[in-house]
PDB file of all heavy atoms in Angstrom:
ATOM      1  N   ARG A   1      11.742 -38.303  32.958  1.00  0.00           N
ATOM      2  CA  ARG A   1      12.482 -38.650  34.056  1.00  0.00           C
ATOM      3  C   ARG A   1      11.901 -38.135  35.374  1.00  0.00           C
ATOM      4  O   ARG A   1      12.010 -38.850  36.497  1.00  0.00           O
ATOM      5  CB  ARG A   1      13.870 -37.888  33.805  1.00  0.00           C
ATOM      6  CG  ARG A   1      14.905 -38.578  34.779  1.00  0.00           C
ATOM      7  CD  ARG A   1      16.325 -37.872  34.480  1.00  0.00           C
ATOM      8  NE  ARG A   1      16.788 -38.134  33.080  1.00  0.00           N
ATOM      9  CZ  ARG A   1      17.921 -37.404  32.711  1.00  0.00           C
ATOM     10  NH1 ARG A   1      18.681 -36.949  33.675  1.00  0.00           N
ATOM     11  NH2 ARG A   1      18.324 -37.672  31.530  1.00  0.00           N
ATOM     12  N   ALA A   2      11.322 -36.888  35.375  1.00  0.00           N
ATOM     13  CA  ALA A   2      10.666 -36.370  36.491  1.00  0.00           C
ATOM     14  C   ALA A   2       9.585 -37.296  37.060  1.00  0.00           C
ATOM     15  O   ALA A   2       9.575 -37.553  38.319  1.00  0.00           O
ATOM     16  CB  ALA A   2      10.145 -34.911  36.271  1.00  0.00           C
ATOM     17  N   ARG A   3       8.769 -37.760  36.130  1.00  0.00           N
ATOM     18  CA  ARG A   3       7.693 -38.681  36.671  1.00  0.00           C
ATOM     19  C   ARG A   3       8.159 -40.023  37.095  1.00  0.00           C
ATOM     20  O   ARG A   3       7.644 -40.565  38.155  1.00  0.00           O
ATOM     21  CB  ARG A   3       6.619 -38.822  35.498  1.00  0.00           C
ATOM     22  CG  ARG A   3       5.948 -37.660  35.227  1.00  0.00           C
ATOM     23  CD  ARG A   3       4.626 -37.882  34.402  1.00  0.00           C
ATOM     24  NE  ARG A   3       3.825 -36.592  34.096  1.00  0.00           N
ATOM     25  CZ  ARG A   3       2.984 -36.066  35.015  1.00  0.00           C
ATOM     26  NH1 ARG A   3       2.833 -36.706  36.155  1.00  0.00           N
ATOM     27  NH2 ARG A   3       2.355 -34.909  34.717  1.00  0.00           N
ATOM     28  N   ASP A   4       9.231 -40.546  36.490  1.00  0.00           N
ATOM     29  CA  ASP A   4       9.894 -41.776  36.916  1.00  0.00           C
ATOM     30  C   ASP A   4      10.304 -41.657  38.317  1.00  0.00           C
ATOM     31  O   ASP A   4      10.080 -42.486  39.149  1.00  0.00           O
ATOM     32  CB  ASP A   4      10.996 -42.157  36.049  1.00  0.00           C
ATOM     33  CG  ASP A   4      10.445 -42.764  34.670  1.00  0.00           C
ATOM     34  OD1 ASP A   4       9.275 -43.124  34.627  1.00  0.00           O
ATOM     35  OD2 ASP A   4      11.244 -42.877  33.726  1.00  0.00           O
ATOM     36  N   VAL A   5      11.060 -40.536  38.561  1.00  0.00           N
ATOM     37  CA  VAL A   5      11.720 -40.458  39.980  1.00  0.00           C
ATOM     38  C   VAL A   5      10.812 -40.069  41.043  1.00  0.00           C
ATOM     39  O   VAL A   5      10.896 -40.503  42.247  1.00  0.00           O
ATOM     40  CB  VAL A   5      12.844 -39.428  39.809  1.00  0.00           C
ATOM     41  CG1 VAL A   5      12.450 -37.927  39.885  1.00  0.00           C
ATOM     42  CG2 VAL A   5      13.942 -39.695  41.007  1.00  0.00           C
ATOM     43  N   ILE A   6       9.733 -39.309  40.746  1.00  0.00           N
ATOM     44  CA  ILE A   6       8.799 -38.921  41.696  1.00  0.00           C
ATOM     45  C   ILE A   6       7.931 -40.178  42.123  1.00  0.00           C
ATOM     46  O   ILE A   6       7.583 -40.279  43.218  1.00  0.00           O
ATOM     47  CB  ILE A   6       7.828 -37.811  41.241  1.00  0.00           C
ATOM     48  CG1 ILE A   6       7.310 -37.072  42.503  1.00  0.00           C
ATOM     49  CG2 ILE A   6       6.706 -38.257  40.443  1.00  0.00           C
ATOM     50  CD1 ILE A   6       6.724 -35.738  42.174  1.00  0.00           C
ATOM     51  N   ASP A   7       7.758 -41.043  41.172  1.00  0.00           N
ATOM     52  CA  ASP A   7       7.086 -42.354  41.553  1.00  0.00           C
ATOM     53  C   ASP A   7       7.992 -43.283  42.293  1.00  0.00           C
ATOM     54  O   ASP A   7       7.478 -43.862  43.410  1.00  0.00           O
ATOM     55  CB  ASP A   7       6.653 -43.076  40.142  1.00  0.00           C
ATOM     56  CG  ASP A   7       6.040 -44.388  40.467  1.00  0.00           C
ATOM     57  OD1 ASP A   7       4.889 -44.296  41.093  1.00  0.00           O
ATOM     58  OD2 ASP A   7       6.557 -45.476  40.026  1.00  0.00           O
ATOM     59  N   ALA A   8       9.267 -43.157  42.068  1.00  0.00           N
ATOM     60  CA  ALA A   8      10.278 -43.986  42.738  1.00  0.00           C
ATOM     61  C   ALA A   8      10.392 -43.535  44.289  1.00  0.00           C
ATOM     62  O   ALA A   8      10.656 -44.460  45.165  1.00  0.00           O
ATOM     63  CB  ALA A   8      11.639 -43.946  42.140  1.00  0.00           C
ATOM     64  N   VAL A   9      10.084 -42.298  44.555  1.00  0.00           N
ATOM     65  CA  VAL A   9      10.259 -41.894  45.999  1.00  0.00           C
ATOM     66  C   VAL A   9       8.902 -41.881  46.600  1.00  0.00           C
ATOM     67  O   VAL A   9       8.820 -41.422  47.806  1.00  0.00           O
ATOM     68  CB  VAL A   9      10.929 -40.383  45.989  1.00  0.00           C
ATOM     69  CG1 VAL A   9      12.290 -40.571  45.443  1.00  0.00           C
ATOM     70  CG2 VAL A   9       9.999 -39.353  45.431  1.00  0.00           C
ATOM     71  N   GLY A  10       7.778 -42.385  45.992  1.00  0.00           N
ATOM     72  CA  GLY A  10       6.468 -42.543  46.550  1.00  0.00           C
ATOM     73  C   GLY A  10       5.764 -41.233  46.697  1.00  0.00           C
ATOM     74  O   GLY A  10       4.966 -41.056  47.555  1.00  0.00           O
ATOM     75  N   LEU A  11       6.016 -40.195  45.709  1.00  0.00           N
ATOM     76  CA  LEU A  11       5.234 -39.086  45.863  1.00  0.00           C
ATOM     77  C   LEU A  11       4.422 -38.708  44.562  1.00  0.00           C
ATOM     78  O   LEU A  11       3.979 -37.608  44.344  1.00  0.00           O
ATOM     79  CB  LEU A  11       6.329 -37.954  45.980  1.00  0.00           C
ATOM     80  CG  LEU A  11       7.103 -37.739  47.269  1.00  0.00           C
ATOM     81  CD1 LEU A  11       8.086 -36.641  47.166  1.00  0.00           C
ATOM     82  CD2 LEU A  11       6.121 -37.578  48.473  1.00  0.00           C
ATOM     83  N   SER A  12       4.150 -39.745  43.843  1.00  0.00           N
ATOM     84  CA  SER A  12       3.393 -39.516  42.612  1.00  0.00           C
ATOM     85  C   SER A  12       1.829 -38.934  43.038  1.00  0.00           C
ATOM     86  O   SER A  12       1.258 -38.269  42.157  1.00  0.00           O
ATOM     87  CB  SER A  12       3.178 -40.807  41.784  1.00  0.00           C
ATOM     88  OG  SER A  12       2.658 -41.841  42.590  1.00  0.00           O
ATOM     89  N   ASP A  13       1.415 -39.256  44.125  1.00  0.00           N
ATOM     90  CA  ASP A  13       0.116 -38.837  44.549  1.00  0.00           C
ATOM     91  C   ASP A  13      -0.024 -37.323  44.893  1.00  0.00           C
ATOM     92  O   ASP A  13      -1.079 -36.808  44.993  1.00  0.00           O
ATOM     93  CB  ASP A  13      -0.527 -39.529  45.683  1.00  0.00           C
ATOM     94  CG  ASP A  13       0.356 -39.622  46.829  1.00  0.00           C
ATOM     95  OD1 ASP A  13       1.559 -39.471  46.767  1.00  0.00           O
ATOM     96  OD2 ASP A  13      -0.158 -39.864  47.994  1.00  0.00           O
ATOM     97  N   VAL A  14       1.145 -36.725  45.154  1.00  0.00           N
ATOM     98  CA  VAL A  14       1.087 -35.281  45.434  1.00  0.00           C
ATOM     99  C   VAL A  14       1.967 -34.571  44.383  1.00  0.00           C
ATOM    100  O   VAL A  14       2.401 -33.485  44.602  1.00  0.00           O
ATOM    101  CB  VAL A  14       1.840 -35.055  46.745  1.00  0.00           C
ATOM    102  CG1 VAL A  14       0.899 -35.622  47.870  1.00  0.00           C
ATOM    103  CG2 VAL A  14       3.244 -35.514  46.908  1.00  0.00           C
ATOM    104  N   ALA A  15       2.049 -35.148  43.160  1.00  0.00           N
ATOM    105  CA  ALA A  15       3.087 -34.566  42.116  1.00  0.00           C
ATOM    106  C   ALA A  15       2.536 -33.156  41.716  1.00  0.00           C
ATOM    107  O   ALA A  15       3.418 -32.242  41.325  1.00  0.00           O
ATOM    108  CB  ALA A  15       3.042 -35.449  41.017  1.00  0.00           C
ATOM    109  N   GLU A  16       1.246 -32.987  41.718  1.00  0.00           N
ATOM    110  CA  GLU A  16       0.843 -31.718  41.245  1.00  0.00           C
ATOM    111  C   GLU A  16       0.541 -30.712  42.439  1.00  0.00           C
ATOM    112  O   GLU A  16       0.045 -29.598  42.207  1.00  0.00           O
ATOM    113  CB  GLU A  16      -0.524 -31.821  40.556  1.00  0.00           C
ATOM    114  CG  GLU A  16      -0.314 -32.857  39.280  1.00  0.00           C
ATOM    115  CD  GLU A  16       0.775 -32.343  38.299  1.00  0.00           C
ATOM    116  OE1 GLU A  16       0.913 -31.132  38.240  1.00  0.00           O
ATOM    117  OE2 GLU A  16       1.303 -33.237  37.609  1.00  0.00           O
ATOM    118  N   ARG A  17       0.777 -31.069  43.712  1.00  0.00           N
ATOM    119  CA  ARG A  17       0.553 -30.168  44.760  1.00  0.00           C
ATOM    120  C   ARG A  17       1.713 -29.223  44.841  1.00  0.00           C
ATOM    121  O   ARG A  17       2.894 -29.574  44.572  1.00  0.00           O
ATOM    122  CB  ARG A  17       0.347 -30.864  46.072  1.00  0.00           C
ATOM    123  CG  ARG A  17      -0.797 -31.812  46.204  1.00  0.00           C
ATOM    124  CD  ARG A  17      -0.971 -32.407  47.580  1.00  0.00           C
ATOM    125  NE  ARG A  17      -1.114 -31.499  48.649  1.00  0.00           N
ATOM    126  CZ  ARG A  17      -1.084 -31.688  49.949  1.00  0.00           C
ATOM    127  NH1 ARG A  17      -0.831 -32.977  50.302  1.00  0.00           N
ATOM    128  NH2 ARG A  17      -1.229 -30.949  50.793  1.00  0.00           N
ATOM    129  N   PRO A  18       1.434 -28.062  45.404  1.00  0.00           N
ATOM    130  CA  PRO A  18       2.591 -27.054  45.583  1.00  0.00           C
ATOM    131  C   PRO A  18       3.570 -27.672  46.547  1.00  0.00           C
ATOM    132  O   PRO A  18       3.298 -28.201  47.593  1.00  0.00           O
ATOM    133  CB  PRO A  18       1.900 -25.789  46.248  1.00  0.00           C
ATOM    134  CG  PRO A  18       0.506 -25.876  45.836  1.00  0.00           C
ATOM    135  CD  PRO A  18       0.175 -27.346  45.726  1.00  0.00           C
ATOM    136  N   ALA A  19       4.814 -27.633  46.137  1.00  0.00           N
ATOM    137  CA  ALA A  19       5.922 -28.265  47.033  1.00  0.00           C
ATOM    138  C   ALA A  19       6.045 -27.611  48.436  1.00  0.00           C
ATOM    139  O   ALA A  19       6.295 -28.430  49.317  1.00  0.00           O
ATOM    140  CB  ALA A  19       7.263 -28.150  46.280  1.00  0.00           C
ATOM    141  N   ARG A  20       5.737 -26.404  48.418  1.00  0.00           N
ATOM    142  CA  ARG A  20       5.909 -25.777  49.878  1.00  0.00           C
ATOM    143  C   ARG A  20       4.787 -26.108  50.871  1.00  0.00           C
ATOM    144  O   ARG A  20       4.996 -26.010  51.995  1.00  0.00           O
ATOM    145  CB  ARG A  20       5.859 -24.261  49.680  1.00  0.00           C
ATOM    146  CG  ARG A  20       7.162 -23.828  48.878  1.00  0.00           C
ATOM    147  CD  ARG A  20       7.341 -22.273  48.834  1.00  0.00           C
ATOM    148  NE  ARG A  20       8.617 -21.865  48.264  1.00  0.00           N
ATOM    149  CZ  ARG A  20       9.045 -20.596  48.270  1.00  0.00           C
ATOM    150  NH1 ARG A  20       8.283 -19.581  48.691  1.00  0.00           N
ATOM    151  NH2 ARG A  20      10.200 -20.459  47.668  1.00  0.00           N
ATOM    152  N   VAL A  21       3.699 -26.870  50.418  1.00  0.00           N
ATOM    153  CA  VAL A  21       2.677 -27.387  51.428  1.00  0.00           C
ATOM    154  C   VAL A  21       2.943 -28.731  51.861  1.00  0.00           C
ATOM    155  O   VAL A  21       2.105 -29.251  52.578  1.00  0.00           O
ATOM    156  CB  VAL A  21       1.297 -27.084  50.884  1.00  0.00           C
ATOM    157  CG1 VAL A  21       1.135 -25.618  50.374  1.00  0.00           C
ATOM    158  CG2 VAL A  21       0.947 -28.093  49.764  1.00  0.00           C
ATOM    159  N   LEU A  22       3.969 -29.407  51.192  1.00  0.00           N
ATOM    160  CA  LEU A  22       4.120 -30.779  51.652  1.00  0.00           C
ATOM    161  C   LEU A  22       4.726 -30.851  53.069  1.00  0.00           C
ATOM    162  O   LEU A  22       5.278 -29.889  53.582  1.00  0.00           O
ATOM    163  CB  LEU A  22       5.134 -31.403  50.658  1.00  0.00           C
ATOM    164  CG  LEU A  22       4.642 -31.519  49.226  1.00  0.00           C
ATOM    165  CD1 LEU A  22       5.784 -32.227  48.331  1.00  0.00           C
ATOM    166  CD2 LEU A  22       3.394 -32.108  48.992  1.00  0.00           C
ATOM    167  N   SER A  23       4.595 -32.080  53.603  1.00  0.00           N
ATOM    168  CA  SER A  23       5.227 -32.160  55.004  1.00  0.00           C
ATOM    169  C   SER A  23       6.716 -32.090  55.004  1.00  0.00           C
ATOM    170  O   SER A  23       7.278 -32.241  53.801  1.00  0.00           O
ATOM    171  CB  SER A  23       4.625 -33.473  55.676  1.00  0.00           C
ATOM    172  OG  SER A  23       5.343 -34.587  54.904  1.00  0.00           O
ATOM    173  N   GLY A  24       7.268 -31.987  56.078  1.00  0.00           N
ATOM    174  CA  GLY A  24       8.943 -31.983  56.079  1.00  0.00           C
ATOM    175  C   GLY A  24       9.437 -33.258  55.511  1.00  0.00           C
ATOM    176  O   GLY A  24      10.442 -33.180  54.817  1.00  0.00           O
ATOM    177  N   GLY A  25       8.879 -34.342  55.848  1.00  0.00           N
ATOM    178  CA  GLY A  25       9.456 -35.668  55.115  1.00  0.00           C
ATOM    179  C   GLY A  25       9.162 -35.649  53.665  1.00  0.00           C
ATOM    180  O   GLY A  25      10.093 -36.179  52.986  1.00  0.00           O
ATOM    181  N   GLU A  26       8.043 -35.316  53.278  1.00  0.00           N
ATOM    182  CA  GLU A  26       7.783 -35.286  51.881  1.00  0.00           C
ATOM    183  C   GLU A  26       8.684 -34.381  51.098  1.00  0.00           C
ATOM    184  O   GLU A  26       9.125 -34.555  50.021  1.00  0.00           O
ATOM    185  CB  GLU A  26       6.257 -34.808  51.651  1.00  0.00           C
ATOM    186  CG  GLU A  26       5.290 -36.008  51.990  1.00  0.00           C
ATOM    187  CD  GLU A  26       3.897 -35.538  51.938  1.00  0.00           C
ATOM    188  OE1 GLU A  26       3.569 -34.349  52.076  1.00  0.00           O
ATOM    189  OE2 GLU A  26       3.022 -36.346  51.703  1.00  0.00           O
ATOM    190  N   GLN A  27       8.917 -33.153  51.604  1.00  0.00           N
ATOM    191  CA  GLN A  27       9.846 -32.233  50.996  1.00  0.00           C
ATOM    192  C   GLN A  27      11.271 -32.771  50.968  1.00  0.00           C
ATOM    193  O   GLN A  27      11.931 -32.541  49.955  1.00  0.00           O
ATOM    194  CB  GLN A  27       9.866 -30.972  51.826  1.00  0.00           C
ATOM    195  CG  GLN A  27       8.641 -30.014  51.670  1.00  0.00           C
ATOM    196  CD  GLN A  27       8.716 -28.622  52.264  1.00  0.00           C
ATOM    197  OE1 GLN A  27       9.901 -28.202  52.564  1.00  0.00           O
ATOM    198  NE2 GLN A  27       7.720 -27.925  52.313  1.00  0.00           N
ATOM    199  N   GLN A  28      11.654 -33.557  52.016  1.00  0.00           N
ATOM    200  CA  GLN A  28      13.001 -33.940  52.065  1.00  0.00           C
ATOM    201  C   GLN A  28      13.124 -35.138  50.901  1.00  0.00           C
ATOM    202  O   GLN A  28      14.181 -35.169  50.171  1.00  0.00           O
ATOM    203  CB  GLN A  28      13.422 -34.502  53.305  1.00  0.00           C
ATOM    204  CG  GLN A  28      14.881 -34.794  53.518  1.00  0.00           C
ATOM    205  CD  GLN A  28      15.818 -33.636  53.234  1.00  0.00           C
ATOM    206  OE1 GLN A  28      15.927 -33.026  52.354  1.00  0.00           O
ATOM    207  NE2 GLN A  28      16.460 -33.130  54.517  1.00  0.00           N
ATOM    208  N   ARG A  29      12.037 -35.925  50.813  1.00  0.00           N
ATOM    209  CA  ARG A  29      12.090 -36.979  49.705  1.00  0.00           C
ATOM    210  C   ARG A  29      12.107 -36.243  48.373  1.00  0.00           C
ATOM    211  O   ARG A  29      12.643 -36.779  47.330  1.00  0.00           O
ATOM    212  CB  ARG A  29      10.842 -37.958  49.932  1.00  0.00           C
ATOM    213  CG  ARG A  29      11.118 -38.912  50.880  1.00  0.00           C
ATOM    214  CD  ARG A  29      10.066 -39.961  50.912  1.00  0.00           C
ATOM    215  NE  ARG A  29       8.806 -39.610  51.565  1.00  0.00           N
ATOM    216  CZ  ARG A  29       7.490 -39.878  51.110  1.00  0.00           C
ATOM    217  NH1 ARG A  29       7.450 -40.860  50.204  1.00  0.00           N
ATOM    218  NH2 ARG A  29       6.528 -39.480  51.783  1.00  0.00           N
ATOM    219  N   LEU A  30      11.302 -35.220  48.229  1.00  0.00           N
ATOM    220  CA  LEU A  30      11.239 -34.430  46.982  1.00  0.00           C
ATOM    221  C   LEU A  30      12.640 -33.922  46.592  1.00  0.00           C
ATOM    222  O   LEU A  30      13.150 -33.909  45.436  1.00  0.00           O
ATOM    223  CB  LEU A  30      10.294 -33.305  47.008  1.00  0.00           C
ATOM    224  CG  LEU A  30      10.283 -32.546  45.802  1.00  0.00           C
ATOM    225  CD1 LEU A  30       9.889 -33.206  44.495  1.00  0.00           C
ATOM    226  CD2 LEU A  30       9.023 -31.340  45.984  1.00  0.00           C
ATOM    227  N   ALA A  31      13.378 -33.329  47.603  1.00  0.00           N
ATOM    228  CA  ALA A  31      14.685 -32.832  47.325  1.00  0.00           C
ATOM    229  C   ALA A  31      15.648 -33.966  46.834  1.00  0.00           C
ATOM    230  O   ALA A  31      16.561 -33.672  46.044  1.00  0.00           O
ATOM    231  CB  ALA A  31      15.192 -32.131  48.719  1.00  0.00           C
ATOM    232  N   LEU A  32      15.531 -35.102  47.421  1.00  0.00           N
ATOM    233  CA  LEU A  32      16.258 -36.303  47.055  1.00  0.00           C
ATOM    234  C   LEU A  32      15.828 -36.626  45.684  1.00  0.00           C
ATOM    235  O   LEU A  32      16.851 -36.945  44.924  1.00  0.00           O
ATOM    236  CB  LEU A  32      16.117 -37.353  48.004  1.00  0.00           C
ATOM    237  CG  LEU A  32      16.841 -37.266  49.433  1.00  0.00           C
ATOM    238  CD1 LEU A  32      16.235 -38.206  50.415  1.00  0.00           C
ATOM    239  CD2 LEU A  32      18.351 -37.421  49.280  1.00  0.00           C
ATOM    240  N   ALA A  33      14.658 -36.638  45.403  1.00  0.00           N
ATOM    241  CA  ALA A  33      14.214 -36.932  44.025  1.00  0.00           C
ATOM    242  C   ALA A  33      14.759 -36.093  42.932  1.00  0.00           C
ATOM    243  O   ALA A  33      15.264 -36.379  41.956  1.00  0.00           O
ATOM    244  CB  ALA A  33      12.620 -37.026  43.872  1.00  0.00           C
ATOM    245  N   ARG A  34      14.663 -34.717  43.339  1.00  0.00           N
ATOM    246  CA  ARG A  34      15.283 -33.686  42.405  1.00  0.00           C
ATOM    247  C   ARG A  34      16.739 -33.896  42.224  1.00  0.00           C
ATOM    248  O   ARG A  34      17.279 -33.663  41.053  1.00  0.00           O
ATOM    249  CB  ARG A  34      15.009 -32.312  43.161  1.00  0.00           C
ATOM    250  CG  ARG A  34      15.209 -31.051  42.289  1.00  0.00           C
ATOM    251  CD  ARG A  34      14.615 -29.864  42.881  1.00  0.00           C
ATOM    252  NE  ARG A  34      15.137 -29.598  44.221  1.00  0.00           N
ATOM    253  CZ  ARG A  34      14.681 -28.742  45.085  1.00  0.00           C
ATOM    254  NH1 ARG A  34      13.739 -27.891  44.686  1.00  0.00           N
ATOM    255  NH2 ARG A  34      15.405 -28.565  46.300  1.00  0.00           N
ATOM    256  N   ALA A  35      17.513 -34.356  43.179  1.00  0.00           N
ATOM    257  CA  ALA A  35      18.898 -34.608  42.954  1.00  0.00           C
ATOM    258  C   ALA A  35      19.133 -35.899  42.269  1.00  0.00           C
ATOM    259  O   ALA A  35      19.999 -35.905  41.322  1.00  0.00           O
ATOM    260  CB  ALA A  35      19.617 -34.619  44.377  1.00  0.00           C
ATOM    261  N   TRP A  36      18.334 -36.915  42.621  1.00  0.00           N
ATOM    262  CA  TRP A  36      18.602 -38.170  41.877  1.00  0.00           C
ATOM    263  C   TRP A  36      18.254 -38.129  40.439  1.00  0.00           C
ATOM    264  O   TRP A  36      18.915 -38.832  39.662  1.00  0.00           O
ATOM    265  CB  TRP A  36      17.605 -39.114  42.818  1.00  0.00           C
ATOM    266  CG  TRP A  36      17.893 -40.611  42.369  1.00  0.00           C
ATOM    267  CD1 TRP A  36      18.804 -41.193  41.715  1.00  0.00           C
ATOM    268  CD2 TRP A  36      16.906 -41.713  42.680  1.00  0.00           C
ATOM    269  NE1 TRP A  36      18.719 -42.526  41.682  1.00  0.00           N
ATOM    270  CE2 TRP A  36      17.535 -42.930  42.325  1.00  0.00           C
ATOM    271  CE3 TRP A  36      15.657 -41.673  43.405  1.00  0.00           C
ATOM    272  CZ2 TRP A  36      16.931 -44.222  42.568  1.00  0.00           C
ATOM    273  CZ3 TRP A  36      15.148 -42.962  43.698  1.00  0.00           C
ATOM    274  CH2 TRP A  36      15.717 -44.148  43.235  1.00  0.00           C
ATOM    275  N   ALA A  37      17.257 -37.317  40.031  1.00  0.00           N
ATOM    276  CA  ALA A  37      16.899 -37.336  38.688  1.00  0.00           C
ATOM    277  C   ALA A  37      18.219 -36.735  37.849  1.00  0.00           C
ATOM    278  O   ALA A  37      18.140 -37.093  36.666  1.00  0.00           O
ATOM    279  CB  ALA A  37      15.731 -36.124  38.492  1.00  0.00           C
ATOM    280  N   LEU A  38      19.003 -36.000  38.451  1.00  0.00           N
ATOM    281  CA  LEU A  38      20.113 -35.606  37.581  1.00  0.00           C
ATOM    282  C   LEU A  38      21.274 -36.619  37.434  1.00  0.00           C
ATOM    283  O   LEU A  38      22.183 -36.395  36.624  1.00  0.00           O
ATOM    284  CB  LEU A  38      20.813 -34.415  38.351  1.00  0.00           C
ATOM    285  CG  LEU A  38      20.002 -33.241  38.679  1.00  0.00           C
ATOM    286  CD1 LEU A  38      20.683 -32.162  39.666  1.00  0.00           C
ATOM    287  CD2 LEU A  38      19.643 -32.569  37.383  1.00  0.00           C
ATOM    288  N   GLY A  39      21.056 -37.884  37.982  1.00  0.00           N
ATOM    289  CA  GLY A  39      21.965 -38.919  37.747  1.00  0.00           C
ATOM    290  C   GLY A  39      23.307 -38.633  38.293  1.00  0.00           C
ATOM    291  O   GLY A  39      24.381 -38.754  37.524  1.00  0.00           O
TER     292      GLY A  39
END
């Protein structure tokens, strides 16, 4: 599920990068992905 949703938000290319070094926009998309994954 995590891989599906991280691909859906366009972050598959940074999936293995530390979350805290992502840009502000990427972090917000990641936060949305984290919530979305919970259905």
